[in-house]
PDB file of N, CA and C in Angstrom:
ATOM      1  N   MET A   1     -18.347  45.127 -48.563  1.00  0.00           N
ATOM      2  CA  MET A   1     -18.257  43.966 -47.751  1.00  0.00           C
ATOM      3  C   MET A   1     -17.451  42.809 -48.260  1.00  0.00           C
ATOM      4  N   ARG A   2     -17.005  42.692 -47.260  1.00  0.00           N
ATOM      5  CA  ARG A   2     -15.274  42.145 -47.333  1.00  0.00           C
ATOM      6  C   ARG A   2     -15.890  40.555 -48.521  1.00  0.00           C
ATOM      7  N   ARG A   3     -14.572  40.345 -50.088  1.00  0.00           N
ATOM      8  CA  ARG A   3     -15.309  39.107 -49.954  1.00  0.00           C
ATOM      9  C   ARG A   3     -13.399  38.490 -49.885  1.00  0.00           C
ATOM     10  N   ARG A   4     -12.869  37.248 -50.324  1.00  0.00           N
ATOM     11  CA  ARG A   4     -12.079  36.162 -50.448  1.00  0.00           C
ATOM     12  C   ARG A   4     -12.477  35.680 -51.734  1.00  0.00           C
ATOM     13  N   HIS A   5     -10.503  35.922 -52.583  1.00  0.00           N
ATOM     14  CA  HIS A   5     -10.302  35.089 -53.756  1.00  0.00           C
ATOM     15  C   HIS A   5      -9.238  34.450 -53.224  1.00  0.00           C
ATOM     16  N   HIS A   6      -9.542  32.883 -53.564  1.00  0.00           N
ATOM     17  CA  HIS A   6      -8.209  32.393 -53.822  1.00  0.00           C
ATOM     18  C   HIS A   6      -7.379  31.928 -55.121  1.00  0.00           C
ATOM     19  N   PHE A   7      -6.468  32.013 -55.135  1.00  0.00           N
ATOM     20  CA  PHE A   7      -5.538  31.950 -56.146  1.00  0.00           C
ATOM     21  C   PHE A   7      -4.365  30.523 -55.759  1.00  0.00           C
ATOM     22  N   HIS A   8      -3.840  30.046 -57.477  1.00  0.00           N
ATOM     23  CA  HIS A   8      -2.735  29.139 -56.856  1.00  0.00           C
ATOM     24  C   HIS A   8      -1.684  28.889 -58.488  1.00  0.00           C
ATOM     25  N   ILE A   9      -1.256  28.702 -58.086  1.00  0.00           N
ATOM     26  CA  ILE A   9      -0.019  27.626 -58.922  1.00  0.00           C
ATOM     27  C   ILE A   9       1.377  26.772 -58.325  1.00  0.00           C
ATOM     28  N   ASP A  10       1.232  26.158 -58.914  1.00  0.00           N
ATOM     29  CA  ASP A  10       2.363  25.312 -59.147  1.00  0.00           C
ATOM     30  C   ASP A  10       3.920  25.389 -59.925  1.00  0.00           C
ATOM     31  N   TYR A  11       4.994  25.974 -59.101  1.00  0.00           N
ATOM     32  CA  TYR A  11       5.680  26.788 -59.532  1.00  0.00           C
ATOM     33  C   TYR A  11       7.006  26.081 -59.598  1.00  0.00           C
ATOM     34  N   ARG A  12       7.793  25.470 -60.355  1.00  0.00           N
ATOM     35  CA  ARG A  12       9.402  25.376 -60.263  1.00  0.00           C
ATOM     36  C   ARG A  12       9.445  24.079 -59.662  1.00  0.00           C
ATOM     37  N   GLY A  13       8.303  22.894 -59.012  1.00  0.00           N
ATOM     38  CA  GLY A  13       8.144  22.525 -58.181  1.00  0.00           C
ATOM     39  C   GLY A  13       7.688  22.950 -56.464  1.00  0.00           C
ATOM     40  N   HIS A  14       7.118  23.957 -56.438  1.00  0.00           N
ATOM     41  CA  HIS A  14       6.719  24.919 -55.355  1.00  0.00           C
ATOM     42  C   HIS A  14       4.947  25.195 -55.731  1.00  0.00           C
ATOM     43  N   SER A  15       3.796  25.195 -54.239  1.00  0.00           N
ATOM     44  CA  SER A  15       2.825  25.738 -54.312  1.00  0.00           C
ATOM     45  C   SER A  15       2.749  26.723 -53.829  1.00  0.00           C
ATOM     46  N   VAL A  16       2.031  28.028 -54.890  1.00  0.00           N
ATOM     47  CA  VAL A  16       2.947  29.632 -54.227  1.00  0.00           C
ATOM     48  C   VAL A  16       1.306  29.386 -54.508  1.00  0.00           C
ATOM     49  N   SER A  17       0.634  29.822 -53.632  1.00  0.00           N
ATOM     50  CA  SER A  17      -1.466  30.662 -53.358  1.00  0.00           C
ATOM     51  C   SER A  17      -0.851  32.310 -52.704  1.00  0.00           C
ATOM     52  N   ALA A  18      -2.676  32.473 -53.372  1.00  0.00           N
ATOM     53  CA  ALA A  18      -2.918  33.872 -53.130  1.00  0.00           C
ATOM     54  C   ALA A  18      -4.391  34.080 -52.408  1.00  0.00           C
ATOM     55  N   THR A  19      -5.089  34.674 -51.196  1.00  0.00           N
ATOM     56  CA  THR A  19      -5.467  34.656 -51.202  1.00  0.00           C
ATOM     57  C   THR A  19      -6.439  36.811 -51.108  1.00  0.00           C
ATOM     58  N   VAL A  20      -6.768  37.438 -51.463  1.00  0.00           N
ATOM     59  CA  VAL A  20      -7.062  38.004 -52.322  1.00  0.00           C
ATOM     60  C   VAL A  20      -8.322  38.742 -51.171  1.00  0.00           C
ATOM     61  N   GLU A  21      -8.666  39.492 -49.914  1.00  0.00           N
ATOM     62  CA  GLU A  21      -9.323  39.806 -49.618  1.00  0.00           C
ATOM     63  C   GLU A  21      -9.839  41.219 -50.232  1.00  0.00           C
ATOM     64  N   THR A  22     -11.349  41.199 -50.848  1.00  0.00           N
ATOM     65  CA  THR A  22     -11.525  42.618 -51.031  1.00  0.00           C
ATOM     66  C   THR A  22     -11.907  43.322 -49.828  1.00  0.00           C
ATOM     67  N   GLY A  23     -12.727  45.051 -50.458  1.00  0.00           N
ATOM     68  CA  GLY A  23     -13.298  46.087 -49.295  1.00  0.00           C
ATOM     69  C   GLY A  23     -13.205  46.746 -48.525  1.00  0.00           C
ATOM     70  N   LEU A  24     -12.613  47.556 -48.003  1.00  0.00           N
ATOM     71  CA  LEU A  24     -12.540  49.309 -48.201  1.00  0.00           C
ATOM     72  C   LEU A  24     -10.700  49.001 -47.731  1.00  0.00           C
ATOM     73  N   ARG A  25     -10.211  48.413 -47.227  1.00  0.00           N
ATOM     74  CA  ARG A  25      -8.349  48.048 -47.910  1.00  0.00           C
ATOM     75  C   ARG A  25      -7.954  46.800 -47.267  1.00  0.00           C
ATOM     76  N   PRO A  26      -7.850  46.287 -48.840  1.00  0.00           N
ATOM     77  CA  PRO A  26      -7.825  45.261 -49.362  1.00  0.00           C
ATOM     78  C   PRO A  26      -6.434  44.615 -48.697  1.00  0.00           C
ATOM     79  N   VAL A  27      -6.425  43.051 -48.759  1.00  0.00           N
ATOM     80  CA  VAL A  27      -5.925  42.095 -47.765  1.00  0.00           C
ATOM     81  C   VAL A  27      -5.046  41.276 -48.320  1.00  0.00           C
ATOM     82  N   VAL A  28      -3.841  40.416 -49.114  1.00  0.00           N
ATOM     83  CA  VAL A  28      -3.947  40.574 -50.220  1.00  0.00           C
ATOM     84  C   VAL A  28      -2.246  38.765 -48.948  1.00  0.00           C
ATOM     85  N   GLU A  29      -1.832  38.099 -49.256  1.00  0.00           N
ATOM     86  CA  GLU A  29      -1.866  36.922 -48.213  1.00  0.00           C
ATOM     87  C   GLU A  29      -0.780  35.733 -49.547  1.00  0.00           C
ATOM     88  N   VAL A  30       0.070  35.286 -49.126  1.00  0.00           N
ATOM     89  CA  VAL A  30       0.733  34.533 -50.005  1.00  0.00           C
ATOM     90  C   VAL A  30       1.434  33.465 -49.128  1.00  0.00           C
ATOM     91  N   LEU A  31       0.930  32.500 -49.499  1.00  0.00           N
ATOM     92  CA  LEU A  31       1.744  31.106 -49.220  1.00  0.00           C
ATOM     93  C   LEU A  31       2.796  30.107 -50.185  1.00  0.00           C
ATOM     94  N   VAL A  32       3.815  29.922 -49.362  1.00  0.00           N
ATOM     95  CA  VAL A  32       4.590  29.040 -50.400  1.00  0.00           C
ATOM     96  C   VAL A  32       4.727  27.768 -49.399  1.00  0.00           C
ATOM     97  N   ASP A  33       4.322  26.719 -50.237  1.00  0.00           N
ATOM     98  CA  ASP A  33       4.603  25.517 -50.272  1.00  0.00           C
ATOM     99  C   ASP A  33       3.197  25.470 -48.612  1.00  0.00           C
ATOM    100  N   GLY A  34       2.308  25.685 -48.346  1.00  0.00           N
ATOM    101  CA  GLY A  34       1.481  26.305 -46.748  1.00  0.00           C
ATOM    102  C   GLY A  34       1.893  26.647 -46.116  1.00  0.00           C
ATOM    103  N   LYS A  35       3.377  27.686 -46.133  1.00  0.00           N
ATOM    104  CA  LYS A  35       3.573  29.118 -44.980  1.00  0.00           C
ATOM    105  C   LYS A  35       3.677  29.726 -45.783  1.00  0.00           C
ATOM    106  N   GLU A  36       3.034  30.723 -45.010  1.00  0.00           N
ATOM    107  CA  GLU A  36       2.287  31.981 -45.263  1.00  0.00           C
ATOM    108  C   GLU A  36       4.654  32.972 -45.356  1.00  0.00           C
ATOM    109  N   THR A  37       3.837  33.394 -46.503  1.00  0.00           N
ATOM    110  CA  THR A  37       5.395  34.933 -46.713  1.00  0.00           C
ATOM    111  C   THR A  37       5.695  35.728 -47.285  1.00  0.00           C
ATOM    112  N   GLY A  38       4.427  35.872 -47.355  1.00  0.00           N
ATOM    113  CA  GLY A  38       4.181  38.029 -47.002  1.00  0.00           C
ATOM    114  C   GLY A  38       2.528  38.067 -47.668  1.00  0.00           C
ATOM    115  N   HIS A  39       2.592  39.419 -46.529  1.00  0.00           N
ATOM    116  CA  HIS A  39       0.773  40.223 -46.471  1.00  0.00           C
ATOM    117  C   HIS A  39       1.391  41.416 -46.925  1.00  0.00           C
ATOM    118  N   ALA A  40       0.366  41.468 -47.433  1.00  0.00           N
ATOM    119  CA  ALA A  40       0.184  43.322 -47.627  1.00  0.00           C
ATOM    120  C   ALA A  40      -1.288  43.843 -47.708  1.00  0.00           C
ATOM    121  N   THR A  41      -0.898  45.387 -47.405  1.00  0.00           N
ATOM    122  CA  THR A  41      -1.691  44.949 -47.093  1.00  0.00           C
ATOM    123  C   THR A  41      -2.753  47.177 -48.245  1.00  0.00           C
ATOM    124  N   THR A  42      -3.791  47.181 -49.203  1.00  0.00           N
ATOM    125  CA  THR A  42      -3.475  48.277 -50.184  1.00  0.00           C
ATOM    126  C   THR A  42      -4.882  49.393 -48.960  1.00  0.00           C
ATOM    127  N   ARG A  43      -5.126  50.397 -50.713  1.00  0.00           N
ATOM    128  CA  ARG A  43      -6.450  51.301 -51.136  1.00  0.00           C
ATOM    129  C   ARG A  43      -6.417  50.735 -51.934  1.00  0.00           C
ATOM    130  N   ASP A  44      -7.813  50.680 -51.470  1.00  0.00           N
ATOM    131  CA  ASP A  44      -8.687  50.696 -53.138  1.00  0.00           C
ATOM    132  C   ASP A  44      -8.244  49.799 -54.274  1.00  0.00           C
ATOM    133  N   ASP A  45      -8.817  49.378 -55.581  1.00  0.00           N
ATOM    134  CA  ASP A  45      -8.527  48.983 -55.893  1.00  0.00           C
ATOM    135  C   ASP A  45      -6.725  48.816 -56.898  1.00  0.00           C
ATOM    136  N   ARG A  46      -6.111  49.733 -55.457  1.00  0.00           N
ATOM    137  CA  ARG A  46      -4.940  49.453 -55.917  1.00  0.00           C
ATOM    138  C   ARG A  46      -4.104  48.240 -56.095  1.00  0.00           C
ATOM    139  N   PRO A  47      -2.998  48.053 -57.321  1.00  0.00           N
ATOM    140  CA  PRO A  47      -2.329  47.320 -57.515  1.00  0.00           C
ATOM    141  C   PRO A  47      -1.420  46.413 -56.120  1.00  0.00           C
ATOM    142  N   VAL A  48      -0.877  45.622 -55.045  1.00  0.00           N
ATOM    143  CA  VAL A  48       0.102  46.020 -54.712  1.00  0.00           C
ATOM    144  C   VAL A  48       1.062  44.768 -54.850  1.00  0.00           C
ATOM    145  N   ALA A  49       1.838  44.815 -55.041  1.00  0.00           N
ATOM    146  CA  ALA A  49       3.261  43.430 -54.743  1.00  0.00           C
ATOM    147  C   ALA A  49       3.248  42.857 -53.835  1.00  0.00           C
ATOM    148  N   VAL A  50       3.731  42.080 -53.772  1.00  0.00           N
ATOM    149  CA  VAL A  50       3.862  41.014 -52.070  1.00  0.00           C
ATOM    150  C   VAL A  50       5.641  40.417 -52.837  1.00  0.00           C
ATOM    151  N   PRO A  51       6.289  40.725 -52.173  1.00  0.00           N
ATOM    152  CA  PRO A  51       7.621  40.285 -52.542  1.00  0.00           C
ATOM    153  C   PRO A  51       7.622  38.501 -51.781  1.00  0.00           C
ATOM    154  N   ILE A  52       8.186  37.386 -52.375  1.00  0.00           N
ATOM    155  CA  ILE A  52       7.991  36.489 -51.604  1.00  0.00           C
ATOM    156  C   ILE A  52       9.756  34.984 -52.298  1.00  0.00           C
ATOM    157  N   GLU A  53      10.291  34.515 -51.685  1.00  0.00           N
ATOM    158  CA  GLU A  53      11.071  33.304 -51.722  1.00  0.00           C
ATOM    159  C   GLU A  53       9.997  32.596 -51.786  1.00  0.00           C
ATOM    160  N   LEU A  54      10.613  31.770 -52.995  1.00  0.00           N
ATOM    161  CA  LEU A  54      10.375  29.799 -53.030  1.00  0.00           C
ATOM    162  C   LEU A  54      12.126  29.536 -52.162  1.00  0.00           C
ATOM    163  N   PRO A  55      11.629  28.143 -51.892  1.00  0.00           N
ATOM    164  CA  PRO A  55      12.740  27.402 -50.841  1.00  0.00           C
ATOM    165  C   PRO A  55      13.294  26.419 -51.863  1.00  0.00           C
ATOM    166  N   THR A  56      14.624  27.341 -52.439  1.00  0.00           N
ATOM    167  CA  THR A  56      15.280  26.271 -53.355  1.00  0.00           C
ATOM    168  C   THR A  56      16.715  26.583 -52.630  1.00  0.00           C
ATOM    169  N   ASP A  57      17.349  26.027 -53.338  1.00  0.00           N
ATOM    170  CA  ASP A  57      19.540  26.061 -53.002  1.00  0.00           C
ATOM    171  C   ASP A  57      19.731  26.658 -53.909  1.00  0.00           C
ATOM    172  N   PRO A  58      20.232  28.016 -53.717  1.00  0.00           N
ATOM    173  CA  PRO A  58      19.592  29.130 -53.248  1.00  0.00           C
ATOM    174  C   PRO A  58      19.037  29.553 -53.446  1.00  0.00           C
ATOM    175  N   PRO A  59      18.299  30.398 -51.964  1.00  0.00           N
ATOM    176  CA  PRO A  59      16.059  30.495 -52.481  1.00  0.00           C
ATOM    177  C   PRO A  59      16.452  31.873 -53.621  1.00  0.00           C
ATOM    178  N   THR A  60      15.048  31.348 -54.408  1.00  0.00           N
ATOM    179  CA  THR A  60      14.932  32.325 -55.661  1.00  0.00           C
ATOM    180  C   THR A  60      13.541  33.764 -55.322  1.00  0.00           C
ATOM    181  N   PRO A  61      14.046  34.117 -54.897  1.00  0.00           N
ATOM    182  CA  PRO A  61      13.412  35.372 -55.268  1.00  0.00           C
ATOM    183  C   PRO A  61      12.430  35.897 -56.150  1.00  0.00           C
ATOM    184  N   ALA A  62      11.204  36.110 -55.868  1.00  0.00           N
ATOM    185  CA  ALA A  62      10.199  36.069 -57.023  1.00  0.00           C
ATOM    186  C   ALA A  62       8.907  36.948 -56.558  1.00  0.00           C
ATOM    187  N   THR A  63       7.764  37.375 -57.203  1.00  0.00           N
ATOM    188  CA  THR A  63       7.125  38.364 -56.215  1.00  0.00           C
ATOM    189  C   THR A  63       6.026  38.202 -57.470  1.00  0.00           C
ATOM    190  N   VAL A  64       4.569  38.518 -55.997  1.00  0.00           N
ATOM    191  CA  VAL A  64       3.173  38.158 -56.703  1.00  0.00           C
ATOM    192  C   VAL A  64       3.095  39.794 -56.211  1.00  0.00           C
ATOM    193  N   ARG A  65       1.666  39.658 -57.655  1.00  0.00           N
ATOM    194  CA  ARG A  65       1.333  40.933 -57.281  1.00  0.00           C
ATOM    195  C   ARG A  65      -0.139  41.177 -58.016  1.00  0.00           C
ATOM    196  N   ALA A  66      -0.957  41.383 -57.481  1.00  0.00           N
ATOM    197  CA  ALA A  66      -2.226  41.182 -56.658  1.00  0.00           C
ATOM    198  C   ALA A  66      -3.142  42.804 -57.639  1.00  0.00           C
ATOM    199  N   THR A  67      -3.736  42.796 -57.748  1.00  0.00           N
ATOM    200  CA  THR A  67      -4.744  43.615 -58.543  1.00  0.00           C
ATOM    201  C   THR A  67      -6.317  43.098 -58.003  1.00  0.00           C
ATOM    202  N   PRO A  68      -6.247  43.934 -56.660  1.00  0.00           N
ATOM    203  CA  PRO A  68      -8.004  44.035 -55.689  1.00  0.00           C
ATOM    204  C   PRO A  68      -8.662  44.311 -57.054  1.00  0.00           C
ATOM    205  N   GLY A  69      -9.374  45.280 -57.574  1.00  0.00           N
ATOM    206  CA  GLY A  69      -9.987  45.466 -59.077  1.00  0.00           C
ATOM    207  C   GLY A  69      -9.350  46.444 -59.671  1.00  0.00           C
ATOM    208  N   PRO A  70     -10.494  47.028 -60.285  1.00  0.00           N
ATOM    209  CA  PRO A  70     -12.214  46.584 -60.522  1.00  0.00           C
ATOM    210  C   PRO A  70     -12.903  45.519 -60.837  1.00  0.00           C
ATOM    211  N   GLY A  71     -13.742  44.973 -60.290  1.00  0.00           N
ATOM    212  CA  GLY A  71     -14.101  43.939 -60.880  1.00  0.00           C
ATOM    213  C   GLY A  71     -13.732  42.672 -59.919  1.00  0.00           C
ATOM    214  N   VAL A  72     -13.457  41.559 -61.046  1.00  0.00           N
ATOM    215  CA  VAL A  72     -12.518  40.444 -60.513  1.00  0.00           C
ATOM    216  C   VAL A  72     -10.886  40.368 -59.952  1.00  0.00           C
ATOM    217  N   PRO A  73     -10.397  39.987 -58.759  1.00  0.00           N
ATOM    218  CA  PRO A  73      -9.646  40.437 -58.849  1.00  0.00           C
ATOM    219  C   PRO A  73      -8.277  39.222 -59.598  1.00  0.00           C
ATOM    220  N   ARG A  74      -7.199  39.978 -59.615  1.00  0.00           N
ATOM    221  CA  ARG A  74      -5.824  39.106 -60.169  1.00  0.00           C
ATOM    222  C   ARG A  74      -4.731  38.717 -59.628  1.00  0.00           C
ATOM    223  N   CYS A  75      -4.309  37.361 -60.460  1.00  0.00           N
ATOM    224  CA  CYS A  75      -3.093  38.305 -59.580  1.00  0.00           C
ATOM    225  C   CYS A  75      -1.899  37.168 -60.542  1.00  0.00           C
ATOM    226  N   LEU A  76      -0.972  37.853 -60.313  1.00  0.00           N
ATOM    227  CA  LEU A  76       0.572  37.494 -61.304  1.00  0.00           C
ATOM    228  C   LEU A  76       1.386  36.846 -60.172  1.00  0.00           C
ATOM    229  N   LEU A  77       2.706  35.419 -61.117  1.00  0.00           N
ATOM    230  CA  LEU A  77       3.555  35.337 -60.222  1.00  0.00           C
ATOM    231  C   LEU A  77       4.811  35.827 -61.439  1.00  0.00           C
ATOM    232  N   LEU A  78       4.913  37.018 -60.498  1.00  0.00           N
ATOM    233  CA  LEU A  78       6.502  37.076 -61.321  1.00  0.00           C
ATOM    234  C   LEU A  78       7.954  37.195 -60.922  1.00  0.00           C
ATOM    235  N   ALA A  79       8.439  35.997 -61.817  1.00  0.00           N
ATOM    236  CA  ALA A  79       9.826  35.237 -61.473  1.00  0.00           C
ATOM    237  C   ALA A  79      10.949  36.268 -61.417  1.00  0.00           C
ATOM    238  N   GLU A  80      12.271  36.445 -60.655  1.00  0.00           N
ATOM    239  CA  GLU A  80      12.676  36.896 -60.857  1.00  0.00           C
ATOM    240  C   GLU A  80      14.073  36.994 -62.024  1.00  0.00           C
ATOM    241  N   ASP A  81      13.895  35.663 -62.258  1.00  0.00           N
ATOM    242  CA  ASP A  81      15.199  35.102 -63.745  1.00  0.00           C
ATOM    243  C   ASP A  81      14.532  36.307 -64.911  1.00  0.00           C
ATOM    244  N   GLY A  82      13.032  36.817 -65.121  1.00  0.00           N
ATOM    245  CA  GLY A  82      13.085  38.046 -66.251  1.00  0.00           C
ATOM    246  C   GLY A  82      12.065  37.424 -67.206  1.00  0.00           C
ATOM    247  N   ALA A  83      11.543  36.492 -66.896  1.00  0.00           N
ATOM    248  CA  ALA A  83      10.474  35.474 -67.661  1.00  0.00           C
ATOM    249  C   ALA A  83       9.378  35.782 -67.048  1.00  0.00           C
ATOM    250  N   ASP A  84       8.865  35.258 -68.825  1.00  0.00           N
ATOM    251  CA  ASP A  84       7.317  36.491 -69.076  1.00  0.00           C
ATOM    252  C   ASP A  84       6.218  36.476 -67.461  1.00  0.00           C
ATOM    253  N   PRO A  85       5.729  36.971 -66.804  1.00  0.00           N
ATOM    254  CA  PRO A  85       4.942  36.842 -65.592  1.00  0.00           C
ATOM    255  C   PRO A  85       4.160  35.404 -65.338  1.00  0.00           C
ATOM    256  N   HIS A  86       3.160  35.037 -65.176  1.00  0.00           N
ATOM    257  CA  HIS A  86       2.587  33.158 -64.712  1.00  0.00           C
ATOM    258  C   HIS A  86       1.242  34.018 -63.948  1.00  0.00           C
ATOM    259  N   VAL A  87       0.258  33.696 -64.683  1.00  0.00           N
ATOM    260  CA  VAL A  87      -0.785  34.452 -64.331  1.00  0.00           C
ATOM    261  C   VAL A  87      -1.665  33.070 -63.286  1.00  0.00           C
ATOM    262  N   MET A  88      -1.539  33.591 -62.387  1.00  0.00           N
ATOM    263  CA  MET A  88      -2.103  32.269 -61.432  1.00  0.00           C
ATOM    264  C   MET A  88      -3.956  32.191 -61.388  1.00  0.00           C
ATOM    265  N   PRO A  89      -3.864  31.360 -61.945  1.00  0.00           N
ATOM    266  CA  PRO A  89      -5.700  30.964 -61.760  1.00  0.00           C
ATOM    267  C   PRO A  89      -6.418  31.254 -60.913  1.00  0.00           C
ATOM    268  N   PRO A  90      -8.245  31.858 -61.272  1.00  0.00           N
ATOM    269  CA  PRO A  90      -8.886  31.597 -59.359  1.00  0.00           C
ATOM    270  C   PRO A  90      -8.715  29.802 -59.011  1.00  0.00           C
ATOM    271  N   ARG A  91      -8.680  29.677 -57.652  1.00  0.00           N
ATOM    272  CA  ARG A  91      -9.068  28.511 -57.513  1.00  0.00           C
ATOM    273  C   ARG A  91     -10.354  28.645 -55.609  1.00  0.00           C
ATOM    274  N   LEU A  92     -11.048  28.110 -56.283  1.00  0.00           N
ATOM    275  CA  LEU A  92     -12.668  27.419 -56.493  1.00  0.00           C
ATOM    276  C   LEU A  92     -12.603  26.813 -54.760  1.00  0.00           C
ATOM    277  N   TYR A  93     -12.978  26.732 -53.939  1.00  0.00           N
ATOM    278  CA  TYR A  93     -13.702  26.266 -52.345  1.00  0.00           C
ATOM    279  C   TYR A  93     -14.909  25.801 -52.597  1.00  0.00           C
TER     280      TYR A  93
END
């Protein structure tokens, strides 16, 4: 059974959202400021890293690491500046 989980964080003045669709082939979709900037699939419950860019001048590279399972999915925002990972809290709809 497929199920969608939503995560969100505001980072450096930009909105970063991730949707993790679980199931046989988990799918991760990442939006920055409402525009799709990354998309990936994985197998089973393996973590997947989705590279993104924040629209700054110059663009700031970052990565969203999604773990579809086991259990409840989780997402982290990894900034390229070497800062600690930022937990993306779940967003209920």
